[in-house]
Full PDB file with SEQRES, HELIX, SHEET, SSBOND, CRYST1, ORIGX, SCALE, CONECT and MASTER records, all heavy atoms in Angstrom:
SEQRES   1 A   36  PHE GLN ALA GLY GLU GLU ILE ALA THR VAL SER ILE ASP          
SEQRES   2 A   36  PRO GLY ASN ILE THR ARG ASN ASP VAL GLN GLU ARG LEU          
SEQRES   3 A   36  ASN TRP LEU LEU ALA VAL SER LYS PHE ARG                      
HELIX    1 AA1 ARG A   19  PHE A   35  1                                  17    
CRYST1    1.000    1.000    1.000  90.00  90.00  90.00 P 1           1          
ORIGX1      1.000000  0.000000  0.000000        0.00000                         
ORIGX2      0.000000  1.000000  0.000000        0.00000                         
ORIGX3      0.000000  0.000000  1.000000        0.00000                         
SCALE1      1.000000  0.000000  0.000000        0.00000                         
SCALE2      0.000000  1.000000  0.000000        0.00000                         
SCALE3      0.000000  0.000000  1.000000        0.00000                         
ATOM      1  N   PHE A   1       2.051 -13.362 -13.026  1.00  0.00           N  
ATOM      2  CA  PHE A   1       2.879 -13.016 -11.834  1.00  0.00           C  
ATOM      3  C   PHE A   1       3.525 -14.264 -11.209  1.00  0.00           C  
ATOM      4  O   PHE A   1       2.928 -15.302 -11.115  1.00  0.00           O  
ATOM      5  CB  PHE A   1       2.175 -12.228 -10.742  1.00  0.00           C  
ATOM      6  CG  PHE A   1       1.534 -10.934 -11.268  1.00  0.00           C  
ATOM      7  CD1 PHE A   1       0.075 -10.755 -11.353  1.00  0.00           C  
ATOM      8  CD2 PHE A   1       2.416  -9.926 -11.563  1.00  0.00           C  
ATOM      9  CE1 PHE A   1      -0.360  -9.546 -11.850  1.00  0.00           C  
ATOM     10  CE2 PHE A   1       1.924  -8.625 -11.981  1.00  0.00           C  
ATOM     11  CZ  PHE A   1       0.519  -8.522 -12.171  1.00  0.00           C  
ATOM     12  N   GLN A   2       4.775 -14.067 -10.595  1.00  0.00           N  
ATOM     13  CA  GLN A   2       5.445 -15.085  -9.901  1.00  0.00           C  
ATOM     14  C   GLN A   2       5.307 -14.872  -8.336  1.00  0.00           C  
ATOM     15  O   GLN A   2       5.280 -13.755  -7.933  1.00  0.00           O  
ATOM     16  CB  GLN A   2       7.019 -15.156 -10.305  1.00  0.00           C  
ATOM     17  CG  GLN A   2       7.160 -15.618 -11.598  1.00  0.00           C  
ATOM     18  CD  GLN A   2       8.640 -15.707 -11.947  1.00  0.00           C  
ATOM     19  OE1 GLN A   2       9.486 -15.054 -11.346  1.00  0.00           O  
ATOM     20  NE2 GLN A   2       9.021 -16.645 -12.766  1.00  0.00           N  
ATOM     21  N   ALA A   3       5.351 -16.003  -7.605  1.00  0.00           N  
ATOM     22  CA  ALA A   3       5.360 -15.920  -6.190  1.00  0.00           C  
ATOM     23  C   ALA A   3       6.463 -15.012  -5.665  1.00  0.00           C  
ATOM     24  O   ALA A   3       7.594 -15.203  -6.202  1.00  0.00           O  
ATOM     25  CB  ALA A   3       5.319 -17.314  -5.502  1.00  0.00           C  
ATOM     26  N   GLY A   4       6.243 -14.126  -4.730  1.00  0.00           N  
ATOM     27  CA  GLY A   4       7.306 -13.247  -4.273  1.00  0.00           C  
ATOM     28  C   GLY A   4       7.528 -12.046  -5.018  1.00  0.00           C  
ATOM     29  O   GLY A   4       8.201 -11.120  -4.531  1.00  0.00           O  
ATOM     30  N   GLU A   5       6.740 -11.945  -6.179  1.00  0.00           N  
ATOM     31  CA  GLU A   5       6.964 -10.661  -7.017  1.00  0.00           C  
ATOM     32  C   GLU A   5       6.194  -9.383  -6.213  1.00  0.00           C  
ATOM     33  O   GLU A   5       5.138  -9.657  -5.679  1.00  0.00           O  
ATOM     34  CB  GLU A   5       6.209 -10.899  -8.402  1.00  0.00           C  
ATOM     35  CG  GLU A   5       6.446  -9.680  -9.281  1.00  0.00           C  
ATOM     36  CD  GLU A   5       5.982 -10.046 -10.589  1.00  0.00           C  
ATOM     37  OE1 GLU A   5       5.781 -11.221 -10.982  1.00  0.00           O  
ATOM     38  OE2 GLU A   5       5.774  -9.172 -11.496  1.00  0.00           O  
ATOM     39  N   GLU A   6       6.918  -8.381  -6.240  1.00  0.00           N  
ATOM     40  CA  GLU A   6       6.339  -7.098  -5.570  1.00  0.00           C  
ATOM     41  C   GLU A   6       5.448  -6.361  -6.611  1.00  0.00           C  
ATOM     42  O   GLU A   6       5.843  -6.044  -7.662  1.00  0.00           O  
ATOM     43  CB  GLU A   6       7.441  -6.270  -5.118  1.00  0.00           C  
ATOM     44  CG  GLU A   6       7.111  -5.077  -4.523  1.00  0.00           C  
ATOM     45  CD  GLU A   6       8.377  -4.165  -4.033  1.00  0.00           C  
ATOM     46  OE1 GLU A   6       9.183  -4.778  -3.497  1.00  0.00           O  
ATOM     47  OE2 GLU A   6       8.226  -3.040  -4.238  1.00  0.00           O  
ATOM     48  N   ILE A   7       4.337  -6.100  -6.098  1.00  0.00           N  
ATOM     49  CA  ILE A   7       3.293  -5.428  -7.185  1.00  0.00           C  
ATOM     50  C   ILE A   7       3.349  -3.979  -6.975  1.00  0.00           C  
ATOM     51  O   ILE A   7       3.307  -3.162  -7.901  1.00  0.00           O  
ATOM     52  CB  ILE A   7       1.884  -6.023  -6.911  1.00  0.00           C  
ATOM     53  CG1 ILE A   7       1.765  -7.543  -7.240  1.00  0.00           C  
ATOM     54  CG2 ILE A   7       0.813  -5.243  -7.696  1.00  0.00           C  
ATOM     55  CD1 ILE A   7       1.894  -7.864  -8.613  1.00  0.00           C  
ATOM     56  N   ALA A   8       3.346  -3.554  -5.688  1.00  0.00           N  
ATOM     57  CA  ALA A   8       3.347  -2.148  -5.379  1.00  0.00           C  
ATOM     58  C   ALA A   8       3.889  -1.892  -4.057  1.00  0.00           C  
ATOM     59  O   ALA A   8       3.897  -2.846  -3.235  1.00  0.00           O  
ATOM     60  CB  ALA A   8       1.844  -1.479  -5.486  1.00  0.00           C  
ATOM     61  N   THR A   9       4.372  -0.602  -3.717  1.00  0.00           N  
ATOM     62  CA  THR A   9       4.945  -0.280  -2.416  1.00  0.00           C  
ATOM     63  C   THR A   9       4.515   1.108  -2.138  1.00  0.00           C  
ATOM     64  O   THR A   9       4.372   1.962  -2.917  1.00  0.00           O  
ATOM     65  CB  THR A   9       6.516  -0.298  -2.463  1.00  0.00           C  
ATOM     66  OG1 THR A   9       7.022  -1.536  -2.955  1.00  0.00           O  
ATOM     67  CG2 THR A   9       6.986   0.100  -1.179  1.00  0.00           C  
ATOM     68  N   VAL A  10       4.176   1.305  -0.924  1.00  0.00           N  
ATOM     69  CA  VAL A  10       3.788   2.702  -0.393  1.00  0.00           C  
ATOM     70  C   VAL A  10       4.709   3.043   0.800  1.00  0.00           C  
ATOM     71  O   VAL A  10       4.823   2.105   1.707  1.00  0.00           O  
ATOM     72  CB  VAL A  10       2.293   2.798  -0.043  1.00  0.00           C  
ATOM     73  CG1 VAL A  10       1.988   1.913   1.095  1.00  0.00           C  
ATOM     74  CG2 VAL A  10       1.826   4.121   0.191  1.00  0.00           C  
ATOM     75  N   SER A  11       5.168   4.238   0.863  1.00  0.00           N  
ATOM     76  CA  SER A  11       5.890   4.696   1.996  1.00  0.00           C  
ATOM     77  C   SER A  11       4.950   5.183   3.133  1.00  0.00           C  
ATOM     78  O   SER A  11       3.824   5.590   2.818  1.00  0.00           O  
ATOM     79  CB  SER A  11       6.772   5.879   1.593  1.00  0.00           C  
ATOM     80  OG  SER A  11       7.651   5.401   0.648  1.00  0.00           O  
ATOM     81  N   ILE A  12       5.571   5.100   4.224  1.00  0.00           N  
ATOM     82  CA  ILE A  12       4.757   5.552   5.414  1.00  0.00           C  
ATOM     83  C   ILE A  12       5.642   6.566   6.136  1.00  0.00           C  
ATOM     84  O   ILE A  12       6.760   6.364   6.482  1.00  0.00           O  
ATOM     85  CB  ILE A  12       4.364   4.394   6.345  1.00  0.00           C  
ATOM     86  CG1 ILE A  12       3.499   3.373   5.596  1.00  0.00           C  
ATOM     87  CG2 ILE A  12       3.764   4.811   7.620  1.00  0.00           C  
ATOM     88  CD1 ILE A  12       2.247   2.895   6.319  1.00  0.00           C  
ATOM     89  N   ASP A  13       4.961   7.617   6.482  1.00  0.00           N  
ATOM     90  CA  ASP A  13       5.669   8.747   7.390  1.00  0.00           C  
ATOM     91  C   ASP A  13       5.769   8.102   8.744  1.00  0.00           C  
ATOM     92  O   ASP A  13       4.834   7.798   9.410  1.00  0.00           O  
ATOM     93  CB  ASP A  13       4.853   9.975   7.295  1.00  0.00           C  
ATOM     94  CG  ASP A  13       5.529  11.046   8.141  1.00  0.00           C  
ATOM     95  OD1 ASP A  13       6.682  10.901   8.677  1.00  0.00           O  
ATOM     96  OD2 ASP A  13       4.823  12.006   8.473  1.00  0.00           O  
ATOM     97  N   PRO A  14       7.031   7.867   9.145  1.00  0.00           N  
ATOM     98  CA  PRO A  14       7.237   7.238  10.452  1.00  0.00           C  
ATOM     99  C   PRO A  14       6.846   8.086  11.762  1.00  0.00           C  
ATOM    100  O   PRO A  14       6.791   7.654  12.768  1.00  0.00           O  
ATOM    101  CB  PRO A  14       8.734   6.969  10.621  1.00  0.00           C  
ATOM    102  CG  PRO A  14       9.375   7.878   9.502  1.00  0.00           C  
ATOM    103  CD  PRO A  14       8.295   8.168   8.470  1.00  0.00           C  
ATOM    104  N   GLY A  15       6.242   9.215  11.373  1.00  0.00           N  
ATOM    105  CA  GLY A  15       5.712  10.006  12.635  1.00  0.00           C  
ATOM    106  C   GLY A  15       4.547   9.499  13.146  1.00  0.00           C  
ATOM    107  O   GLY A  15       4.324   8.283  13.121  1.00  0.00           O  
ATOM    108  N   ASN A  16       3.640  10.283  13.659  1.00  0.00           N  
ATOM    109  CA  ASN A  16       2.399   9.855  14.300  1.00  0.00           C  
ATOM    110  C   ASN A  16       1.470   9.486  13.306  1.00  0.00           C  
ATOM    111  O   ASN A  16       0.636  10.173  12.659  1.00  0.00           O  
ATOM    112  CB  ASN A  16       1.841  11.081  15.115  1.00  0.00           C  
ATOM    113  CG  ASN A  16       0.869  10.580  16.081  1.00  0.00           C  
ATOM    114  OD1 ASN A  16       0.640   9.353  16.369  1.00  0.00           O  
ATOM    115  ND2 ASN A  16       0.263  11.608  16.670  1.00  0.00           N  
ATOM    116  N   ILE A  17       1.412   8.136  12.925  1.00  0.00           N  
ATOM    117  CA  ILE A  17       0.504   7.581  11.974  1.00  0.00           C  
ATOM    118  C   ILE A  17      -0.696   7.131  12.515  1.00  0.00           C  
ATOM    119  O   ILE A  17      -0.770   6.543  13.600  1.00  0.00           O  
ATOM    120  CB  ILE A  17       1.124   6.384  11.136  1.00  0.00           C  
ATOM    121  CG1 ILE A  17       0.297   6.108  10.006  1.00  0.00           C  
ATOM    122  CG2 ILE A  17       1.429   5.317  12.035  1.00  0.00           C  
ATOM    123  CD1 ILE A  17       1.075   5.442   8.899  1.00  0.00           C  
ATOM    124  N   THR A  18      -1.942   7.566  11.925  1.00  0.00           N  
ATOM    125  CA  THR A  18      -3.277   7.312  12.416  1.00  0.00           C  
ATOM    126  C   THR A  18      -3.822   5.992  11.596  1.00  0.00           C  
ATOM    127  O   THR A  18      -3.354   5.626  10.605  1.00  0.00           O  
ATOM    128  CB  THR A  18      -4.156   8.411  12.229  1.00  0.00           C  
ATOM    129  OG1 THR A  18      -4.347   8.587  10.762  1.00  0.00           O  
ATOM    130  CG2 THR A  18      -3.595   9.735  12.786  1.00  0.00           C  
ATOM    131  N   ARG A  19      -4.869   5.581  12.145  1.00  0.00           N  
ATOM    132  CA  ARG A  19      -5.530   4.296  11.547  1.00  0.00           C  
ATOM    133  C   ARG A  19      -6.029   4.753  10.147  1.00  0.00           C  
ATOM    134  O   ARG A  19      -5.904   3.987   9.328  1.00  0.00           O  
ATOM    135  CB  ARG A  19      -6.664   4.033  12.464  1.00  0.00           C  
ATOM    136  CG  ARG A  19      -7.431   2.711  12.134  1.00  0.00           C  
ATOM    137  CD  ARG A  19      -8.522   2.419  13.081  1.00  0.00           C  
ATOM    138  NE  ARG A  19      -9.022   1.140  12.902  1.00  0.00           N  
ATOM    139  CZ  ARG A  19      -8.390  -0.060  13.035  1.00  0.00           C  
ATOM    140  NH1 ARG A  19      -7.117  -0.099  13.605  1.00  0.00           N  
ATOM    141  NH2 ARG A  19      -8.978  -1.194  12.905  1.00  0.00           N  
ATOM    142  N   ASN A  20      -6.599   5.979  10.086  1.00  0.00           N  
ATOM    143  CA  ASN A  20      -7.054   6.467   8.728  1.00  0.00           C  
ATOM    144  C   ASN A  20      -5.958   6.556   7.790  1.00  0.00           C  
ATOM    145  O   ASN A  20      -6.221   6.158   6.680  1.00  0.00           O  
ATOM    146  CB  ASN A  20      -7.723   7.801   8.984  1.00  0.00           C  
ATOM    147  CG  ASN A  20      -8.519   8.084   7.710  1.00  0.00           C  
ATOM    148  OD1 ASN A  20      -9.222   7.378   7.267  1.00  0.00           O  
ATOM    149  ND2 ASN A  20      -8.346   9.384   7.211  1.00  0.00           N  
ATOM    150  N   ASP A  21      -4.744   6.882   8.155  1.00  0.00           N  
ATOM    151  CA  ASP A  21      -3.625   7.075   7.252  1.00  0.00           C  
ATOM    152  C   ASP A  21      -3.259   5.634   6.778  1.00  0.00           C  
ATOM    153  O   ASP A  21      -2.976   5.382   5.531  1.00  0.00           O  
ATOM    154  CB  ASP A  21      -2.371   7.550   8.000  1.00  0.00           C  
ATOM    155  CG  ASP A  21      -2.378   9.018   8.395  1.00  0.00           C  
ATOM    156  OD1 ASP A  21      -3.252   9.740   7.753  1.00  0.00           O  
ATOM    157  OD2 ASP A  21      -1.788   9.409   9.394  1.00  0.00           O  
ATOM    158  N   VAL A  22      -3.180   4.692   7.674  1.00  0.00           N  
ATOM    159  CA  VAL A  22      -2.900   3.269   7.203  1.00  0.00           C  
ATOM    160  C   VAL A  22      -3.954   2.781   6.260  1.00  0.00           C  
ATOM    161  O   VAL A  22      -3.604   2.051   5.217  1.00  0.00           O  
ATOM    162  CB  VAL A  22      -2.842   2.353   8.518  1.00  0.00           C  
ATOM    163  CG1 VAL A  22      -2.593   0.933   8.024  1.00  0.00           C  
ATOM    164  CG2 VAL A  22      -1.605   2.774   9.382  1.00  0.00           C  
ATOM    165  N   GLN A  23      -5.286   3.034   6.579  1.00  0.00           N  
ATOM    166  CA  GLN A  23      -6.305   2.529   5.675  1.00  0.00           C  
ATOM    167  C   GLN A  23      -6.234   3.043   4.234  1.00  0.00           C  
ATOM    168  O   GLN A  23      -6.447   2.494   3.247  1.00  0.00           O  
ATOM    169  CB  GLN A  23      -7.698   2.751   6.333  1.00  0.00           C  
ATOM    170  CG  GLN A  23      -7.944   1.897   7.509  1.00  0.00           C  
ATOM    171  CD  GLN A  23      -9.264   2.235   8.224  1.00  0.00           C  
ATOM    172  OE1 GLN A  23      -9.690   3.426   8.178  1.00  0.00           O  
ATOM    173  NE2 GLN A  23      -9.733   1.372   8.966  1.00  0.00           N  
ATOM    174  N   GLU A  24      -5.853   4.502   4.185  1.00  0.00           N  
ATOM    175  CA  GLU A  24      -5.653   5.170   2.936  1.00  0.00           C  
ATOM    176  C   GLU A  24      -4.453   4.537   2.125  1.00  0.00           C  
ATOM    177  O   GLU A  24      -4.668   4.321   0.942  1.00  0.00           O  
ATOM    178  CB  GLU A  24      -5.359   6.626   3.188  1.00  0.00           C  
ATOM    179  CG  GLU A  24      -6.606   7.521   3.419  1.00  0.00           C  
ATOM    180  CD  GLU A  24      -6.271   8.836   3.807  1.00  0.00           C  
ATOM    181  OE1 GLU A  24      -5.255   9.262   3.411  1.00  0.00           O  
ATOM    182  OE2 GLU A  24      -7.125   9.458   4.261  1.00  0.00           O  
ATOM    183  N   ARG A  25      -3.405   4.142   2.751  1.00  0.00           N  
ATOM    184  CA  ARG A  25      -2.339   3.491   2.194  1.00  0.00           C  
ATOM    185  C   ARG A  25      -2.519   2.222   1.549  1.00  0.00           C  
ATOM    186  O   ARG A  25      -2.228   1.782   0.576  1.00  0.00           O  
ATOM    187  CB  ARG A  25      -0.980   3.424   3.088  1.00  0.00           C  
ATOM    188  CG  ARG A  25      -0.637   4.730   3.695  1.00  0.00           C  
ATOM    189  CD  ARG A  25       0.038   5.747   2.558  1.00  0.00           C  
ATOM    190  NE  ARG A  25       0.840   6.723   3.147  1.00  0.00           N  
ATOM    191  CZ  ARG A  25       0.394   7.780   3.909  1.00  0.00           C  
ATOM    192  NH1 ARG A  25      -0.804   7.740   4.350  1.00  0.00           N  
ATOM    193  NH2 ARG A  25       1.230   8.665   4.221  1.00  0.00           N  
ATOM    194  N   LEU A  26      -3.380   1.386   2.424  1.00  0.00           N  
ATOM    195  CA  LEU A  26      -3.656   0.068   1.903  1.00  0.00           C  
ATOM    196  C   LEU A  26      -4.715   0.062   0.894  1.00  0.00           C  
ATOM    197  O   LEU A  26      -4.687  -0.681  -0.081  1.00  0.00           O  
ATOM    198  CB  LEU A  26      -4.266  -0.716   3.167  1.00  0.00           C  
ATOM    199  CG  LEU A  26      -3.373  -1.143   4.342  1.00  0.00           C  
ATOM    200  CD1 LEU A  26      -4.147  -1.732   5.383  1.00  0.00           C  
ATOM    201  CD2 LEU A  26      -2.085  -1.830   3.869  1.00  0.00           C  
ATOM    202  N   ASN A  27      -5.665   1.072   0.867  1.00  0.00           N  
ATOM    203  CA  ASN A  27      -6.553   1.285  -0.207  1.00  0.00           C  
ATOM    204  C   ASN A  27      -5.837   1.462  -1.584  1.00  0.00           C  
ATOM    205  O   ASN A  27      -6.105   1.132  -2.581  1.00  0.00           O  
ATOM    206  CB  ASN A  27      -7.599   2.335   0.042  1.00  0.00           C  
ATOM    207  CG  ASN A  27      -8.739   1.922   1.009  1.00  0.00           C  
ATOM    208  OD1 ASN A  27      -8.843   0.780   1.182  1.00  0.00           O  
ATOM    209  ND2 ASN A  27      -9.254   2.863   1.589  1.00  0.00           N  
ATOM    210  N   TRP A  28      -4.717   2.412  -1.384  1.00  0.00           N  
ATOM    211  CA  TRP A  28      -3.946   2.762  -2.506  1.00  0.00           C  
ATOM    212  C   TRP A  28      -3.279   1.529  -3.106  1.00  0.00           C  
ATOM    213  O   TRP A  28      -3.142   1.284  -4.220  1.00  0.00           O  
ATOM    214  CB  TRP A  28      -2.903   3.897  -2.161  1.00  0.00           C  
ATOM    215  CG  TRP A  28      -2.106   4.423  -3.370  1.00  0.00           C  
ATOM    216  CD1 TRP A  28      -2.429   5.385  -4.204  1.00  0.00           C  
ATOM    217  CD2 TRP A  28      -0.850   3.765  -3.789  1.00  0.00           C  
ATOM    218  NE1 TRP A  28      -1.470   5.439  -5.114  1.00  0.00           N  
ATOM    219  CE2 TRP A  28      -0.451   4.596  -4.935  1.00  0.00           C  
ATOM    220  CE3 TRP A  28       0.016   2.831  -3.217  1.00  0.00           C  
ATOM    221  CZ2 TRP A  28       0.743   4.302  -5.573  1.00  0.00           C  
ATOM    222  CZ3 TRP A  28       1.177   2.563  -3.916  1.00  0.00           C  
ATOM    223  CH2 TRP A  28       1.500   3.332  -5.127  1.00  0.00           C  
ATOM    224  N   LEU A  29      -2.566   0.770  -2.183  1.00  0.00           N  
ATOM    225  CA  LEU A  29      -2.019  -0.490  -2.693  1.00  0.00           C  
ATOM    226  C   LEU A  29      -2.965  -1.509  -3.219  1.00  0.00           C  
ATOM    227  O   LEU A  29      -2.532  -2.004  -4.330  1.00  0.00           O  
ATOM    228  CB  LEU A  29      -1.353  -1.232  -1.417  1.00  0.00           C  
ATOM    229  CG  LEU A  29      -0.051  -0.819  -0.847  1.00  0.00           C  
ATOM    230  CD1 LEU A  29       0.366  -1.624   0.294  1.00  0.00           C  
ATOM    231  CD2 LEU A  29       1.061  -0.988  -2.021  1.00  0.00           C  
ATOM    232  N   LEU A  30      -4.079  -1.529  -2.789  1.00  0.00           N  
ATOM    233  CA  LEU A  30      -5.062  -2.457  -3.413  1.00  0.00           C  
ATOM    234  C   LEU A  30      -5.517  -1.864  -4.770  1.00  0.00           C  
ATOM    235  O   LEU A  30      -5.704  -2.715  -5.744  1.00  0.00           O  
ATOM    236  CB  LEU A  30      -6.401  -2.504  -2.560  1.00  0.00           C  
ATOM    237  CG  LEU A  30      -7.423  -3.541  -2.901  1.00  0.00           C  
ATOM    238  CD1 LEU A  30      -6.741  -4.916  -2.942  1.00  0.00           C  
ATOM    239  CD2 LEU A  30      -8.542  -3.606  -1.802  1.00  0.00           C  
ATOM    240  N   ALA A  31      -5.684  -0.568  -4.930  1.00  0.00           N  
ATOM    241  CA  ALA A  31      -5.996   0.070  -6.162  1.00  0.00           C  
ATOM    242  C   ALA A  31      -4.995  -0.286  -7.286  1.00  0.00           C  
ATOM    243  O   ALA A  31      -5.150  -0.510  -8.397  1.00  0.00           O  
ATOM    244  CB  ALA A  31      -6.343   1.461  -6.056  1.00  0.00           C  
ATOM    245  N   VAL A  32      -3.736   0.065  -6.877  1.00  0.00           N  
ATOM    246  CA  VAL A  32      -2.593  -0.157  -7.775  1.00  0.00           C  
ATOM    247  C   VAL A  32      -2.504  -1.742  -8.184  1.00  0.00           C  
ATOM    248  O   VAL A  32      -2.325  -2.029  -9.396  1.00  0.00           O  
ATOM    249  CB  VAL A  32      -1.258   0.364  -7.179  1.00  0.00           C  
ATOM    250  CG1 VAL A  32      -0.029  -0.098  -8.071  1.00  0.00           C  
ATOM    251  CG2 VAL A  32      -1.330   1.815  -7.077  1.00  0.00           C  
ATOM    252  N   SER A  33      -2.651  -2.494  -7.266  1.00  0.00           N  
ATOM    253  CA  SER A  33      -2.626  -4.057  -7.487  1.00  0.00           C  
ATOM    254  C   SER A  33      -3.686  -4.483  -8.466  1.00  0.00           C  
ATOM    255  O   SER A  33      -3.524  -5.151  -9.391  1.00  0.00           O  
ATOM    256  CB  SER A  33      -2.732  -4.685  -6.190  1.00  0.00           C  
ATOM    257  OG  SER A  33      -1.756  -4.404  -5.372  1.00  0.00           O  
ATOM    258  N   LYS A  34      -4.916  -3.846  -8.187  1.00  0.00           N  
ATOM    259  CA  LYS A  34      -5.984  -4.223  -9.158  1.00  0.00           C  
ATOM    260  C   LYS A  34      -5.827  -3.643 -10.524  1.00  0.00           C  
ATOM    261  O   LYS A  34      -6.014  -4.360 -11.518  1.00  0.00           O  
ATOM    262  CB  LYS A  34      -7.280  -3.592  -8.549  1.00  0.00           C  
ATOM    263  CG  LYS A  34      -8.522  -3.843  -9.303  1.00  0.00           C  
ATOM    264  CD  LYS A  34      -9.785  -3.319  -8.662  1.00  0.00           C  
ATOM    265  CE  LYS A  34     -11.036  -3.947  -9.389  1.00  0.00           C  
ATOM    266  NZ  LYS A  34     -12.260  -3.402  -8.743  1.00  0.00           N  
ATOM    267  N   PHE A  35      -5.185  -2.536 -10.598  1.00  0.00           N  
ATOM    268  CA  PHE A  35      -4.939  -1.858 -11.933  1.00  0.00           C  
ATOM    269  C   PHE A  35      -3.882  -2.806 -12.620  1.00  0.00           C  
ATOM    270  O   PHE A  35      -4.076  -3.113 -13.809  1.00  0.00           O  
ATOM    271  CB  PHE A  35      -4.387  -0.453 -11.714  1.00  0.00           C  
ATOM    272  CG  PHE A  35      -3.925   0.136 -13.026  1.00  0.00           C  
ATOM    273  CD1 PHE A  35      -4.759   0.637 -13.922  1.00  0.00           C  
ATOM    274  CD2 PHE A  35      -2.498   0.164 -13.245  1.00  0.00           C  
ATOM    275  CE1 PHE A  35      -4.399   1.260 -15.190  1.00  0.00           C  
ATOM    276  CE2 PHE A  35      -2.055   0.737 -14.544  1.00  0.00           C  
ATOM    277  CZ  PHE A  35      -2.999   1.266 -15.472  1.00  0.00           C  
ATOM    278  N   ARG A  36      -2.869  -3.124 -11.957  1.00  0.00           N  
ATOM    279  CA  ARG A  36      -1.777  -4.046 -12.524  1.00  0.00           C  
ATOM    280  C   ARG A  36      -2.280  -5.487 -12.889  1.00  0.00           C  
ATOM    281  O   ARG A  36      -1.953  -5.906 -14.025  1.00  0.00           O  
ATOM    282  CB  ARG A  36      -0.551  -4.236 -11.664  1.00  0.00           C  
ATOM    283  CG  ARG A  36       0.101  -2.920 -11.480  1.00  0.00           C  
ATOM    284  CD  ARG A  36       1.690  -3.107 -11.285  1.00  0.00           C  
ATOM    285  NE  ARG A  36       2.375  -4.086 -11.972  1.00  0.00           N  
ATOM    286  CZ  ARG A  36       3.422  -4.761 -11.461  1.00  0.00           C  
ATOM    287  NH1 ARG A  36       3.818  -4.533 -10.343  1.00  0.00           N  
ATOM    288  NH2 ARG A  36       4.021  -5.667 -12.403  1.00  0.00           N  
TER     289      ARG A  36                                                      
MASTER        0    0    0    1    0    0    0    6  288    1    0    3          
END                                                                             
């Protein structure tokens, strides 16, 4: 991997986002990154 390379992206519903929603999205990003 090169510096600046994007590994994964997750969209966020701009509505009323909760702490739990954010944690779930970050866990998903981490899982995809680990897989890659």
